[in-house]
Amino acid sequence: MEKQGAILEKLEPIFEKVEALPRPQRIALFVGIFVLFVGSFVYFFYFPKIAELKKLSDQHEKLLNKLDAAKKNAATLQSFEEKMLKAETQFKLAVKALPNSQEIPTLLSSISQSGKDAGLHFKLFNPKGGRKKGFYAEIPVSISVVGAYHNIAIFFQKVAELDRIVNIKNITMKQGKGSKLSVSCQAVTYQFIKEKPKKKKSKKKKRR
């Protein structure tokens, strides 16, 4: 209280001088003090808060952009994983339909037996060497048979129903004796080729 009283005593001459001023000057002085007070508040408190708010807003926008990018990447990754899973499933099914080297003789025997079961007479059944096509090899078989049209259709149907993939290509038909047809074609089956594991090169120690 004593300090406040001392301050008021010091300010009292100033108040008296202010009161002695004409009214327009007093109003101008009060307005100036008010503007100074408001300006100080704006400069020292308002502007820093605005700058901080803008900084936070920019950070928020950057985080939103990162979140959107992460969502898009997640969607792309999920789509890619689904495509990879689908491709892997299709590959496994394709490999399952491809015989290995041990199954080729049995498959060729099945093709020949299908023709005999259909009542056809074989004039030629000539398997040829495999032609490598990436992870599989084509094995063409030159076939020449004689039989009725209905029996030939049954043969092609039986080949199509085999567990393994066999395609009939290059079909040519000629009229034979009576109602018989002479048919030449190529049956192509496919063999899965297993990749041989790469041998690790042994590092020979140099003798000193």
N, C-alpha and C. Protein backbone atom coordinates (compact mmCIF):
# COMPACT_ATOMS: atom_id res chain seq x y z
N MET A 1 0.84 -1.20 0.00
CA MET A 1 0.00 0.00 0.00
C MET A 1 0.88 1.26 0.00
N GLU A 2 1.96 1.22 0.79
CA GLU A 2 2.83 2.39 0.86
C GLU A 2 3.48 2.65 -0.49
N LYS A 3 3.87 1.55 -1.18
CA LYS A 3 4.50 1.69 -2.50
C LYS A 3 3.51 2.29 -3.50
N GLN A 4 2.27 1.78 -3.45
CA GLN A 4 1.25 2.31 -4.36
C GLN A 4 1.01 3.78 -4.10
N GLY A 5 1.00 4.13 -2.80
CA GLY A 5 0.80 5.54 -2.45
C GLY A 5 1.93 6.40 -2.97
N ALA A 6 3.15 5.88 -2.88
CA ALA A 6 4.31 6.63 -3.36
C ALA A 6 4.24 6.82 -4.86
N ILE A 7 3.80 5.76 -5.57
CA ILE A 7 3.69 5.85 -7.04
C ILE A 7 2.64 6.87 -7.42
N LEU A 8 1.50 6.84 -6.70
CA LEU A 8 0.42 7.79 -7.02
C LEU A 8 0.86 9.22 -6.77
N GLU A 9 1.66 9.41 -5.69
CA GLU A 9 2.16 10.76 -5.40
C GLU A 9 3.05 11.26 -6.54
N LYS A 10 3.88 10.35 -7.10
CA LYS A 10 4.77 10.73 -8.20
C LYS A 10 3.97 11.03 -9.46
N LEU A 11 2.86 10.26 -9.67
CA LEU A 11 2.07 10.44 -10.87
C LEU A 11 1.07 11.60 -10.76
N GLU A 12 0.86 12.07 -9.54
CA GLU A 12 -0.15 13.11 -9.32
C GLU A 12 0.14 14.39 -10.11
N PRO A 13 1.42 14.85 -10.17
CA PRO A 13 1.70 16.05 -11.00
C PRO A 13 1.36 15.83 -12.47
N ILE A 14 1.60 14.60 -12.91
CA ILE A 14 1.29 14.29 -14.32
C ILE A 14 -0.20 14.36 -14.56
N PHE A 15 -0.98 13.78 -13.64
CA PHE A 15 -2.45 13.82 -13.77
C PHE A 15 -2.94 15.26 -13.78
N GLU A 16 -2.31 16.09 -12.89
CA GLU A 16 -2.74 17.50 -12.80
C GLU A 16 -2.46 18.21 -14.12
N LYS A 17 -1.27 17.89 -14.73
CA LYS A 17 -0.94 18.51 -16.01
C LYS A 17 -1.91 18.07 -17.09
N VAL A 18 -2.26 16.75 -17.05
CA VAL A 18 -3.21 16.23 -18.04
C VAL A 18 -4.57 16.90 -17.88
N GLU A 19 -5.02 17.03 -16.63
CA GLU A 19 -6.33 17.66 -16.37
C GLU A 19 -6.33 19.13 -16.78
N ALA A 20 -5.14 19.71 -16.75
CA ALA A 20 -5.05 21.13 -17.12
C ALA A 20 -5.10 21.34 -18.63
N LEU A 21 -4.86 20.29 -19.36
CA LEU A 21 -4.87 20.39 -20.82
C LEU A 21 -6.28 20.63 -21.33
N PRO A 22 -6.41 21.27 -22.48
CA PRO A 22 -7.74 21.44 -23.09
C PRO A 22 -8.33 20.06 -23.41
N ARG A 23 -9.64 20.02 -23.49
CA ARG A 23 -10.33 18.74 -23.70
C ARG A 23 -9.89 18.03 -24.98
N PRO A 24 -9.76 18.71 -26.12
CA PRO A 24 -9.32 18.00 -27.34
C PRO A 24 -7.95 17.35 -27.19
N GLN A 25 -7.04 18.03 -26.48
CA GLN A 25 -5.71 17.45 -26.28
C GLN A 25 -5.77 16.24 -25.36
N ARG A 26 -6.63 16.34 -24.33
CA ARG A 26 -6.77 15.19 -23.43
C ARG A 26 -7.32 13.97 -24.19
N ILE A 27 -8.32 14.23 -25.04
CA ILE A 27 -8.90 13.13 -25.82
C ILE A 27 -7.83 12.52 -26.74
N ALA A 28 -7.05 13.41 -27.38
CA ALA A 28 -5.99 12.92 -28.28
C ALA A 28 -4.95 12.12 -27.51
N LEU A 29 -4.64 12.58 -26.27
CA LEU A 29 -3.67 11.86 -25.45
C LEU A 29 -4.18 10.48 -25.06
N PHE A 30 -5.44 10.44 -24.65
CA PHE A 30 -6.04 9.15 -24.26
C PHE A 30 -6.11 8.19 -25.46
N VAL A 31 -6.45 8.76 -26.60
CA VAL A 31 -6.50 7.93 -27.81
C VAL A 31 -5.11 7.38 -28.15
N GLY A 32 -4.09 8.24 -28.01
CA GLY A 32 -2.73 7.81 -28.29
C GLY A 32 -2.28 6.71 -27.35
N ILE A 33 -2.61 6.89 -26.05
CA ILE A 33 -2.25 5.86 -25.06
C ILE A 33 -2.96 4.55 -25.38
N PHE A 34 -4.24 4.65 -25.75
CA PHE A 34 -5.02 3.45 -26.08
C PHE A 34 -4.44 2.74 -27.30
N VAL A 35 -4.10 3.54 -28.33
CA VAL A 35 -3.52 2.95 -29.55
C VAL A 35 -2.18 2.29 -29.23
N LEU A 36 -1.38 2.95 -28.38
CA LEU A 36 -0.09 2.39 -28.00
C LEU A 36 -0.28 1.07 -27.25
N PHE A 37 -1.27 1.05 -26.36
CA PHE A 37 -1.55 -0.16 -25.59
C PHE A 37 -2.00 -1.31 -26.51
N VAL A 38 -2.95 -0.97 -27.41
CA VAL A 38 -3.46 -1.99 -28.34
C VAL A 38 -2.35 -2.46 -29.27
N GLY A 39 -1.55 -1.51 -29.77
CA GLY A 39 -0.45 -1.87 -30.66
C GLY A 39 0.55 -2.78 -29.99
N SER A 40 0.86 -2.47 -28.73
CA SER A 40 1.80 -3.31 -27.98
C SER A 40 1.23 -4.72 -27.79
N PHE A 41 -0.06 -4.78 -27.48
CA PHE A 41 -0.70 -6.08 -27.29
C PHE A 41 -0.67 -6.90 -28.60
N VAL A 42 -1.01 -6.22 -29.70
CA VAL A 42 -1.02 -6.90 -31.01
C VAL A 42 0.38 -7.38 -31.38
N TYR A 43 1.38 -6.53 -31.17
CA TYR A 43 2.75 -6.86 -31.59
C TYR A 43 3.36 -7.98 -30.74
N PHE A 44 3.15 -7.88 -29.41
CA PHE A 44 3.82 -8.80 -28.50
C PHE A 44 3.03 -10.08 -28.24
N PHE A 45 1.71 -10.05 -28.43
CA PHE A 45 0.89 -11.21 -28.09
C PHE A 45 0.13 -11.78 -29.30
N TYR A 46 -0.52 -10.90 -30.08
CA TYR A 46 -1.39 -11.37 -31.15
C TYR A 46 -0.59 -11.93 -32.33
N PHE A 47 0.40 -11.16 -32.81
CA PHE A 47 1.18 -11.60 -33.96
C PHE A 47 1.91 -12.93 -33.72
N PRO A 48 2.58 -13.10 -32.54
CA PRO A 48 3.23 -14.40 -32.29
C PRO A 48 2.24 -15.56 -32.30
N LYS A 49 1.04 -15.31 -31.75
CA LYS A 49 0.03 -16.38 -31.74
C LYS A 49 -0.42 -16.71 -33.16
N ILE A 50 -0.57 -15.67 -33.99
CA ILE A 50 -0.95 -15.89 -35.39
C ILE A 50 0.12 -16.69 -36.12
N ALA A 51 1.39 -16.34 -35.89
CA ALA A 51 2.50 -17.05 -36.53
C ALA A 51 2.54 -18.51 -36.08
N GLU A 52 2.32 -18.71 -34.78
CA GLU A 52 2.32 -20.08 -34.25
C GLU A 52 1.15 -20.87 -34.83
N LEU A 53 -0.01 -20.21 -34.94
CA LEU A 53 -1.19 -20.86 -35.50
C LEU A 53 -0.96 -21.25 -36.96
N LYS A 54 -0.32 -20.36 -37.72
CA LYS A 54 -0.02 -20.66 -39.13
C LYS A 54 0.95 -21.83 -39.23
N LYS A 55 1.94 -21.86 -38.33
CA LYS A 55 2.91 -22.94 -38.32
C LYS A 55 2.21 -24.28 -38.05
N LEU A 56 1.31 -24.27 -37.06
CA LEU A 56 0.56 -25.49 -36.73
C LEU A 56 -0.34 -25.91 -37.89
N SER A 57 -0.93 -24.90 -38.56
CA SER A 57 -1.80 -25.18 -39.70
C SER A 57 -1.01 -25.83 -40.84
N ASP A 58 0.21 -25.31 -41.09
CA ASP A 58 1.06 -25.88 -42.13
C ASP A 58 1.46 -27.31 -41.79
N GLN A 59 1.80 -27.54 -40.51
CA GLN A 59 2.17 -28.88 -40.08
C GLN A 59 0.99 -29.84 -40.23
N HIS A 60 -0.20 -29.35 -39.89
CA HIS A 60 -1.41 -30.17 -40.00
C HIS A 60 -1.67 -30.55 -41.46
N GLU A 61 -1.48 -29.57 -42.35
CA GLU A 61 -1.70 -29.82 -43.78
C GLU A 61 -0.68 -30.85 -44.31
N LYS A 62 0.57 -30.72 -43.88
CA LYS A 62 1.61 -31.67 -44.30
C LYS A 62 1.29 -33.07 -43.80
N LEU A 63 0.82 -33.16 -42.56
CA LEU A 63 0.46 -34.46 -42.00
C LEU A 63 -0.72 -35.08 -42.76
N LEU A 64 -1.68 -34.23 -43.14
CA LEU A 64 -2.82 -34.72 -43.92
C LEU A 64 -2.37 -35.24 -45.28
N ASN A 65 -1.43 -34.51 -45.92
CA ASN A 65 -0.91 -34.94 -47.21
C ASN A 65 -0.17 -36.28 -47.09
N LYS A 66 0.62 -36.40 -46.00
CA LYS A 66 1.34 -37.65 -45.77
C LYS A 66 0.36 -38.80 -45.52
N LEU A 67 -0.73 -38.49 -44.79
CA LEU A 67 -1.73 -39.51 -44.51
C LEU A 67 -2.42 -39.96 -45.79
N ASP A 68 -2.76 -39.00 -46.66
CA ASP A 68 -3.39 -39.34 -47.94
C ASP A 68 -2.45 -40.19 -48.80
N ALA A 69 -1.17 -39.80 -48.81
CA ALA A 69 -0.18 -40.56 -49.59
C ALA A 69 -0.03 -41.98 -49.04
N ALA A 70 -0.04 -42.09 -47.69
CA ALA A 70 0.08 -43.41 -47.06
C ALA A 70 -1.13 -44.28 -47.39
N LYS A 71 -2.33 -43.66 -47.41
CA LYS A 71 -3.54 -44.41 -47.75
C LYS A 71 -3.49 -44.91 -49.19
N LYS A 72 -3.03 -44.04 -50.10
CA LYS A 72 -2.92 -44.43 -51.51
C LYS A 72 -1.90 -45.55 -51.68
N ASN A 73 -0.76 -45.42 -50.98
CA ASN A 73 0.27 -46.45 -51.06
C ASN A 73 -0.24 -47.78 -50.51
N ALA A 74 -1.02 -47.68 -49.40
CA ALA A 74 -1.58 -48.89 -48.80
C ALA A 74 -2.55 -49.56 -49.76
N ALA A 75 -3.39 -48.76 -50.43
CA ALA A 75 -4.34 -49.30 -51.40
C ALA A 75 -3.61 -49.93 -52.59
N THR A 76 -2.55 -49.26 -53.06
CA THR A 76 -1.76 -49.79 -54.18
C THR A 76 -1.07 -51.08 -53.78
N LEU A 77 -0.52 -51.10 -52.55
CA LEU A 77 0.17 -52.29 -52.06
C LEU A 77 -0.80 -53.46 -51.94
N GLN A 78 -2.01 -53.18 -51.42
CA GLN A 78 -3.01 -54.23 -51.28
C GLN A 78 -3.41 -54.79 -52.65
N SER A 79 -3.60 -53.87 -53.62
CA SER A 79 -3.95 -54.30 -54.98
C SER A 79 -2.82 -55.13 -55.59
N PHE A 80 -1.58 -54.70 -55.36
CA PHE A 80 -0.42 -55.42 -55.88
C PHE A 80 -0.32 -56.81 -55.25
N GLU A 81 -0.56 -56.89 -53.93
CA GLU A 81 -0.49 -58.18 -53.24
C GLU A 81 -1.58 -59.12 -53.76
N GLU A 82 -2.78 -58.57 -54.02
CA GLU A 82 -3.87 -59.38 -54.55
C GLU A 82 -3.52 -59.92 -55.94
N LYS A 83 -2.92 -59.05 -56.78
CA LYS A 83 -2.52 -59.48 -58.13
C LYS A 83 -1.42 -60.54 -58.05
N MET A 84 -0.47 -60.34 -57.12
CA MET A 84 0.61 -61.31 -56.96
C MET A 84 0.05 -62.66 -56.50
N LEU A 85 -0.91 -62.62 -55.55
CA LEU A 85 -1.51 -63.85 -55.05
C LEU A 85 -2.27 -64.56 -56.17
N LYS A 86 -3.00 -63.78 -56.98
CA LYS A 86 -3.74 -64.35 -58.10
C LYS A 86 -2.79 -64.97 -59.13
N ALA A 87 -1.70 -64.22 -59.44
CA ALA A 87 -0.72 -64.73 -60.40
C ALA A 87 -0.04 -65.99 -59.87
N GLU A 88 0.25 -66.01 -58.57
CA GLU A 88 0.89 -67.18 -57.96
C GLU A 88 -0.03 -68.39 -58.02
N THR A 89 -1.34 -68.16 -57.76
CA THR A 89 -2.32 -69.25 -57.83
C THR A 89 -2.42 -69.79 -59.24
N GLN A 90 -2.48 -68.88 -60.23
CA GLN A 90 -2.56 -69.30 -61.63
C GLN A 90 -1.30 -70.07 -62.04
N PHE A 91 -0.15 -69.59 -61.55
CA PHE A 91 1.11 -70.27 -61.87
C PHE A 91 1.12 -71.69 -61.30
N LYS A 92 0.65 -71.83 -60.07
CA LYS A 92 0.62 -73.16 -59.44
C LYS A 92 -0.30 -74.10 -60.20
N LEU A 93 -1.46 -73.56 -60.66
CA LEU A 93 -2.39 -74.38 -61.44
C LEU A 93 -1.76 -74.78 -62.77
N ALA A 94 -1.04 -73.82 -63.38
CA ALA A 94 -0.40 -74.11 -64.66
C ALA A 94 0.69 -75.17 -64.49
N VAL A 95 1.49 -75.02 -63.43
CA VAL A 95 2.56 -75.99 -63.17
C VAL A 95 1.98 -77.37 -62.88
N LYS A 96 0.84 -77.38 -62.18
CA LYS A 96 0.19 -78.65 -61.86
C LYS A 96 -0.25 -79.38 -63.12
N ALA A 97 -0.62 -78.58 -64.15
CA ALA A 97 -1.07 -79.18 -65.41
C ALA A 97 0.08 -79.56 -66.32
N LEU A 98 1.30 -79.20 -65.94
CA LEU A 98 2.47 -79.55 -66.75
C LEU A 98 3.15 -80.78 -66.17
N PRO A 99 3.33 -81.82 -66.96
CA PRO A 99 4.01 -83.01 -66.44
C PRO A 99 5.50 -82.78 -66.29
N ASN A 100 6.10 -83.52 -65.39
CA ASN A 100 7.56 -83.47 -65.30
C ASN A 100 8.15 -84.54 -66.22
N SER A 101 9.46 -84.63 -66.24
CA SER A 101 10.12 -85.53 -67.18
C SER A 101 9.74 -86.99 -66.95
N GLN A 102 9.48 -87.36 -65.70
CA GLN A 102 9.14 -88.75 -65.39
C GLN A 102 7.73 -89.10 -65.86
N GLU A 103 6.87 -88.08 -66.00
CA GLU A 103 5.49 -88.34 -66.37
C GLU A 103 5.26 -88.30 -67.89
N ILE A 104 6.22 -87.81 -68.66
CA ILE A 104 6.05 -87.67 -70.11
C ILE A 104 5.75 -89.01 -70.78
N PRO A 105 6.50 -90.08 -70.52
CA PRO A 105 6.17 -91.36 -71.18
C PRO A 105 4.74 -91.82 -70.89
N THR A 106 4.29 -91.63 -69.62
CA THR A 106 2.93 -92.02 -69.27
C THR A 106 1.90 -91.19 -70.03
N LEU A 107 2.20 -89.88 -70.16
CA LEU A 107 1.28 -88.99 -70.87
C LEU A 107 1.20 -89.37 -72.35
N LEU A 108 2.34 -89.64 -72.97
CA LEU A 108 2.35 -90.04 -74.37
C LEU A 108 1.59 -91.35 -74.57
N SER A 109 1.76 -92.24 -73.60
CA SER A 109 1.03 -93.50 -73.66
C SER A 109 -0.48 -93.26 -73.54
N SER A 110 -0.87 -92.27 -72.73
CA SER A 110 -2.29 -91.95 -72.56
C SER A 110 -2.87 -91.39 -73.86
N ILE A 111 -2.08 -90.55 -74.56
CA ILE A 111 -2.54 -89.99 -75.83
C ILE A 111 -2.76 -91.12 -76.85
N SER A 112 -1.78 -92.02 -76.92
CA SER A 112 -1.88 -93.15 -77.85
C SER A 112 -3.07 -94.04 -77.50
N GLN A 113 -3.25 -94.30 -76.20
CA GLN A 113 -4.34 -95.16 -75.77
C GLN A 113 -5.70 -94.52 -76.04
N SER A 114 -5.76 -93.16 -75.95
CA SER A 114 -7.02 -92.47 -76.24
C SER A 114 -7.43 -92.70 -77.69
N GLY A 115 -6.45 -92.70 -78.60
CA GLY A 115 -6.75 -92.96 -80.00
C GLY A 115 -7.22 -94.39 -80.22
N LYS A 116 -6.57 -95.33 -79.56
CA LYS A 116 -6.98 -96.74 -79.70
C LYS A 116 -8.37 -96.97 -79.12
N ASP A 117 -8.64 -96.34 -77.95
CA ASP A 117 -9.97 -96.48 -77.35
C ASP A 117 -11.05 -95.88 -78.24
N ALA A 118 -10.68 -94.86 -79.03
CA ALA A 118 -11.65 -94.24 -79.94
C ALA A 118 -11.82 -95.04 -81.22
N GLY A 119 -11.08 -96.13 -81.37
CA GLY A 119 -11.21 -96.98 -82.54
C GLY A 119 -10.41 -96.53 -83.73
N LEU A 120 -9.33 -95.81 -83.51
CA LEU A 120 -8.51 -95.31 -84.61
C LEU A 120 -7.32 -96.23 -84.85
N HIS A 121 -6.86 -96.23 -86.08
CA HIS A 121 -5.65 -96.99 -86.45
C HIS A 121 -4.51 -96.01 -86.63
N PHE A 122 -3.43 -96.20 -85.86
CA PHE A 122 -2.29 -95.29 -85.92
C PHE A 122 -1.34 -95.70 -87.05
N LYS A 123 -1.06 -94.75 -87.90
CA LYS A 123 -0.04 -94.94 -88.94
C LYS A 123 1.28 -94.30 -88.51
N LEU A 124 1.18 -93.29 -87.62
CA LEU A 124 2.39 -92.59 -87.15
C LEU A 124 2.13 -92.03 -85.76
N PHE A 125 3.09 -92.26 -84.88
CA PHE A 125 3.07 -91.65 -83.54
C PHE A 125 4.52 -91.37 -83.17
N ASN A 126 4.97 -90.14 -83.45
CA ASN A 126 6.40 -89.83 -83.37
C ASN A 126 6.65 -88.64 -82.44
N PRO A 127 6.96 -88.90 -81.15
CA PRO A 127 7.33 -87.80 -80.24
C PRO A 127 8.68 -87.21 -80.64
N LYS A 128 8.80 -85.91 -80.57
CA LYS A 128 10.05 -85.23 -80.92
C LYS A 128 10.67 -84.59 -79.68
N GLY A 129 11.87 -84.10 -79.83
CA GLY A 129 12.59 -83.51 -78.69
C GLY A 129 11.90 -82.24 -78.19
N GLY A 130 12.09 -81.96 -76.93
CA GLY A 130 11.46 -80.79 -76.32
C GLY A 130 12.11 -79.49 -76.77
N ARG A 131 11.29 -78.46 -76.87
CA ARG A 131 11.77 -77.12 -77.19
C ARG A 131 11.55 -76.23 -75.97
N LYS A 132 12.64 -75.76 -75.41
CA LYS A 132 12.55 -74.99 -74.16
C LYS A 132 11.90 -73.64 -74.40
N LYS A 133 10.93 -73.30 -73.50
CA LYS A 133 10.21 -72.02 -73.55
C LYS A 133 10.14 -71.42 -72.15
N GLY A 134 11.26 -70.99 -71.62
CA GLY A 134 11.26 -70.43 -70.27
C GLY A 134 11.24 -71.53 -69.23
N PHE A 135 10.17 -71.54 -68.39
CA PHE A 135 10.10 -72.52 -67.31
C PHE A 135 9.46 -73.84 -67.76
N TYR A 136 9.13 -73.95 -69.04
CA TYR A 136 8.55 -75.19 -69.57
C TYR A 136 9.15 -75.48 -70.94
N ALA A 137 8.88 -76.70 -71.41
CA ALA A 137 9.34 -77.11 -72.75
C ALA A 137 8.18 -77.69 -73.52
N GLU A 138 8.11 -77.36 -74.79
CA GLU A 138 7.09 -77.95 -75.67
C GLU A 138 7.59 -79.28 -76.19
N ILE A 139 6.71 -80.29 -76.15
CA ILE A 139 7.06 -81.61 -76.68
C ILE A 139 6.04 -81.95 -77.76
N PRO A 140 6.38 -81.75 -79.03
CA PRO A 140 5.44 -82.06 -80.11
C PRO A 140 5.45 -83.55 -80.46
N VAL A 141 4.29 -84.04 -80.83
CA VAL A 141 4.16 -85.44 -81.24
C VAL A 141 3.44 -85.45 -82.59
N SER A 142 4.11 -85.93 -83.62
CA SER A 142 3.49 -86.05 -84.94
C SER A 142 2.61 -87.29 -84.95
N ILE A 143 1.35 -87.11 -85.35
CA ILE A 143 0.37 -88.20 -85.31
C ILE A 143 -0.30 -88.32 -86.68
N SER A 144 -0.48 -89.54 -87.10
CA SER A 144 -1.25 -89.83 -88.32
C SER A 144 -2.14 -91.03 -88.02
N VAL A 145 -3.47 -90.83 -88.15
CA VAL A 145 -4.42 -91.90 -87.83
C VAL A 145 -5.43 -92.06 -88.96
N VAL A 146 -6.07 -93.20 -88.95
CA VAL A 146 -7.14 -93.48 -89.92
C VAL A 146 -8.36 -93.94 -89.13
N GLY A 147 -9.53 -93.36 -89.46
CA GLY A 147 -10.75 -93.75 -88.77
C GLY A 147 -11.93 -92.92 -89.24
N ALA A 148 -13.09 -93.25 -88.73
CA ALA A 148 -14.30 -92.51 -89.08
C ALA A 148 -14.27 -91.14 -88.40
N TYR A 149 -15.04 -90.20 -88.98
CA TYR A 149 -15.07 -88.83 -88.45
C TYR A 149 -15.51 -88.83 -86.99
N HIS A 150 -16.50 -89.61 -86.66
CA HIS A 150 -17.02 -89.67 -85.29
C HIS A 150 -15.94 -90.16 -84.33
N ASN A 151 -15.18 -91.18 -84.76
CA ASN A 151 -14.11 -91.72 -83.90
C ASN A 151 -12.99 -90.70 -83.70
N ILE A 152 -12.69 -89.95 -84.76
CA ILE A 152 -11.65 -88.91 -84.64
C ILE A 152 -12.09 -87.84 -83.66
N ALA A 153 -13.37 -87.45 -83.71
CA ALA A 153 -13.91 -86.45 -82.78
C ALA A 153 -13.82 -86.97 -81.34
N ILE A 154 -14.09 -88.26 -81.14
CA ILE A 154 -13.99 -88.85 -79.80
C ILE A 154 -12.54 -88.80 -79.31
N PHE A 155 -11.59 -89.08 -80.21
CA PHE A 155 -10.16 -89.04 -79.86
C PHE A 155 -9.76 -87.64 -79.39
N PHE A 156 -10.15 -86.63 -80.17
CA PHE A 156 -9.80 -85.26 -79.79
C PHE A 156 -10.43 -84.89 -78.44
N GLN A 157 -11.65 -85.37 -78.21
CA GLN A 157 -12.33 -85.08 -76.95
C GLN A 157 -11.60 -85.74 -75.78
N LYS A 158 -11.18 -86.99 -75.97
CA LYS A 158 -10.46 -87.71 -74.91
C LYS A 158 -9.13 -87.03 -74.59
N VAL A 159 -8.43 -86.54 -75.61
CA VAL A 159 -7.17 -85.83 -75.39
C VAL A 159 -7.41 -84.54 -74.62
N ALA A 160 -8.50 -83.83 -74.95
CA ALA A 160 -8.82 -82.58 -74.27
C ALA A 160 -9.16 -82.81 -72.80
N GLU A 161 -9.66 -84.02 -72.47
CA GLU A 161 -10.07 -84.32 -71.10
C GLU A 161 -8.93 -84.89 -70.25
N LEU A 162 -7.75 -85.05 -70.82
CA LEU A 162 -6.61 -85.54 -70.03
C LEU A 162 -6.26 -84.53 -68.93
N ASP A 163 -5.69 -85.03 -67.82
CA ASP A 163 -5.34 -84.16 -66.70
C ASP A 163 -4.27 -83.15 -67.08
N ARG A 164 -3.42 -83.51 -68.00
CA ARG A 164 -2.33 -82.63 -68.42
C ARG A 164 -2.72 -81.87 -69.68
N ILE A 165 -2.01 -80.77 -69.90
CA ILE A 165 -2.30 -79.93 -71.07
C ILE A 165 -1.76 -80.58 -72.34
N VAL A 166 -2.65 -80.79 -73.30
CA VAL A 166 -2.26 -81.30 -74.62
C VAL A 166 -3.07 -80.52 -75.66
N ASN A 167 -2.38 -79.85 -76.56
CA ASN A 167 -3.04 -79.10 -77.63
C ASN A 167 -2.87 -79.84 -78.95
N ILE A 168 -3.96 -79.90 -79.71
CA ILE A 168 -3.91 -80.50 -81.05
C ILE A 168 -3.78 -79.38 -82.07
N LYS A 169 -2.75 -79.44 -82.91
CA LYS A 169 -2.49 -78.40 -83.89
C LYS A 169 -2.30 -79.00 -85.28
N ASN A 170 -2.31 -78.09 -86.28
CA ASN A 170 -1.98 -78.45 -87.68
C ASN A 170 -2.74 -79.69 -88.16
N ILE A 171 -4.05 -79.64 -88.02
CA ILE A 171 -4.88 -80.79 -88.42
C ILE A 171 -5.13 -80.76 -89.93
N THR A 172 -4.86 -81.87 -90.58
CA THR A 172 -5.19 -82.02 -92.01
C THR A 172 -5.96 -83.34 -92.18
N MET A 173 -7.04 -83.27 -92.97
CA MET A 173 -7.88 -84.45 -93.20
C MET A 173 -7.95 -84.78 -94.68
N LYS A 174 -7.86 -86.06 -94.99
CA LYS A 174 -8.01 -86.53 -96.36
C LYS A 174 -9.00 -87.69 -96.38
N GLN A 175 -9.74 -87.77 -97.46
CA GLN A 175 -10.70 -88.87 -97.61
C GLN A 175 -9.95 -90.16 -97.84
N GLY A 176 -10.26 -91.15 -97.02
CA GLY A 176 -9.64 -92.46 -97.18
C GLY A 176 -10.59 -93.43 -97.87
N LYS A 177 -10.42 -94.68 -97.60
CA LYS A 177 -11.28 -95.70 -98.18
C LYS A 177 -12.65 -95.69 -97.50
N GLY A 178 -13.69 -95.72 -98.31
CA GLY A 178 -15.04 -95.75 -97.77
C GLY A 178 -15.35 -94.49 -96.98
N SER A 179 -15.82 -94.68 -95.76
CA SER A 179 -16.16 -93.54 -94.89
C SER A 179 -15.02 -93.15 -93.97
N LYS A 180 -13.88 -93.77 -94.17
CA LYS A 180 -12.73 -93.48 -93.31
C LYS A 180 -12.03 -92.20 -93.74
N LEU A 181 -11.43 -91.53 -92.75
CA LEU A 181 -10.64 -90.33 -93.00
C LEU A 181 -9.20 -90.60 -92.59
N SER A 182 -8.28 -90.00 -93.32
CA SER A 182 -6.86 -90.06 -92.96
C SER A 182 -6.50 -88.69 -92.38
N VAL A 183 -6.16 -88.67 -91.09
CA VAL A 183 -5.92 -87.42 -90.37
C VAL A 183 -4.47 -87.35 -89.89
N SER A 184 -3.86 -86.21 -90.20
CA SER A 184 -2.51 -85.93 -89.68
C SER A 184 -2.61 -84.69 -88.78
N CYS A 185 -1.93 -84.72 -87.68
CA CYS A 185 -1.96 -83.57 -86.76
C CYS A 185 -0.72 -83.60 -85.88
N GLN A 186 -0.63 -82.61 -85.05
CA GLN A 186 0.48 -82.53 -84.09
C GLN A 186 -0.11 -82.30 -82.70
N ALA A 187 0.18 -83.23 -81.80
CA ALA A 187 -0.23 -83.07 -80.42
C ALA A 187 0.95 -82.46 -79.65
N VAL A 188 0.71 -81.34 -79.02
CA VAL A 188 1.79 -80.65 -78.28
C VAL A 188 1.48 -80.70 -76.79
N THR A 189 2.36 -81.32 -76.05
CA THR A 189 2.24 -81.28 -74.59
C THR A 189 3.40 -80.47 -74.03
N TYR A 190 3.36 -80.23 -72.74
CA TYR A 190 4.30 -79.29 -72.14
C TYR A 190 4.91 -79.91 -70.90
N GLN A 191 6.19 -79.73 -70.76
CA GLN A 191 6.92 -80.30 -69.63
C GLN A 191 7.46 -79.18 -68.75
N PHE A 192 7.21 -79.28 -67.45
CA PHE A 192 7.72 -78.30 -66.49
C PHE A 192 9.20 -78.54 -66.27
N ILE A 193 9.97 -77.47 -66.35
CA ILE A 193 11.43 -77.56 -66.16
C ILE A 193 11.80 -76.97 -64.81
N LYS A 194 12.32 -77.79 -63.96
CA LYS A 194 12.78 -77.31 -62.65
C LYS A 194 14.14 -76.67 -62.80
N GLU A 195 14.28 -75.51 -62.18
CA GLU A 195 15.59 -74.85 -62.22
C GLU A 195 16.55 -75.56 -61.28
N LYS A 196 17.72 -75.84 -61.81
CA LYS A 196 18.73 -76.48 -60.97
C LYS A 196 19.33 -75.47 -60.01
N PRO A 197 19.45 -75.85 -58.75
CA PRO A 197 20.05 -74.92 -57.78
C PRO A 197 21.47 -74.57 -58.17
N LYS A 198 21.77 -73.30 -58.09
CA LYS A 198 23.11 -72.85 -58.46
C LYS A 198 24.14 -73.31 -57.43
N LYS A 199 25.22 -73.87 -57.97
CA LYS A 199 26.28 -74.35 -57.08
C LYS A 199 27.11 -73.17 -56.58
N LYS A 200 27.31 -73.15 -55.29
CA LYS A 200 28.14 -72.09 -54.72
C LYS A 200 29.60 -72.35 -55.04
N LYS A 201 30.22 -71.32 -55.51
CA LYS A 201 31.64 -71.44 -55.85
C LYS A 201 32.47 -71.49 -54.57
N SER A 202 33.23 -72.55 -54.45
CA SER A 202 34.08 -72.69 -53.26
C SER A 202 35.33 -71.84 -53.42
N LYS A 203 35.58 -71.06 -52.42
CA LYS A 203 36.77 -70.19 -52.46
C LYS A 203 38.00 -70.98 -52.03
N LYS A 204 38.92 -71.12 -52.96
CA LYS A 204 40.16 -71.83 -52.65
C LYS A 204 41.12 -70.92 -51.92
N LYS A 205 41.60 -71.44 -50.84
CA LYS A 205 42.55 -70.64 -50.06
C LYS A 205 43.91 -70.63 -50.77
N LYS A 206 44.41 -69.46 -50.92
CA LYS A 206 45.73 -69.32 -51.56
C LYS A 206 46.82 -69.75 -50.60
N ARG A 207 47.70 -70.56 -51.14
CA ARG A 207 48.83 -70.98 -50.32
C ARG A 207 49.85 -69.87 -50.24
N ARG A 208 50.31 -69.64 -49.05
CA ARG A 208 51.33 -68.60 -48.85
C ARG A 208 52.71 -69.16 -49.19
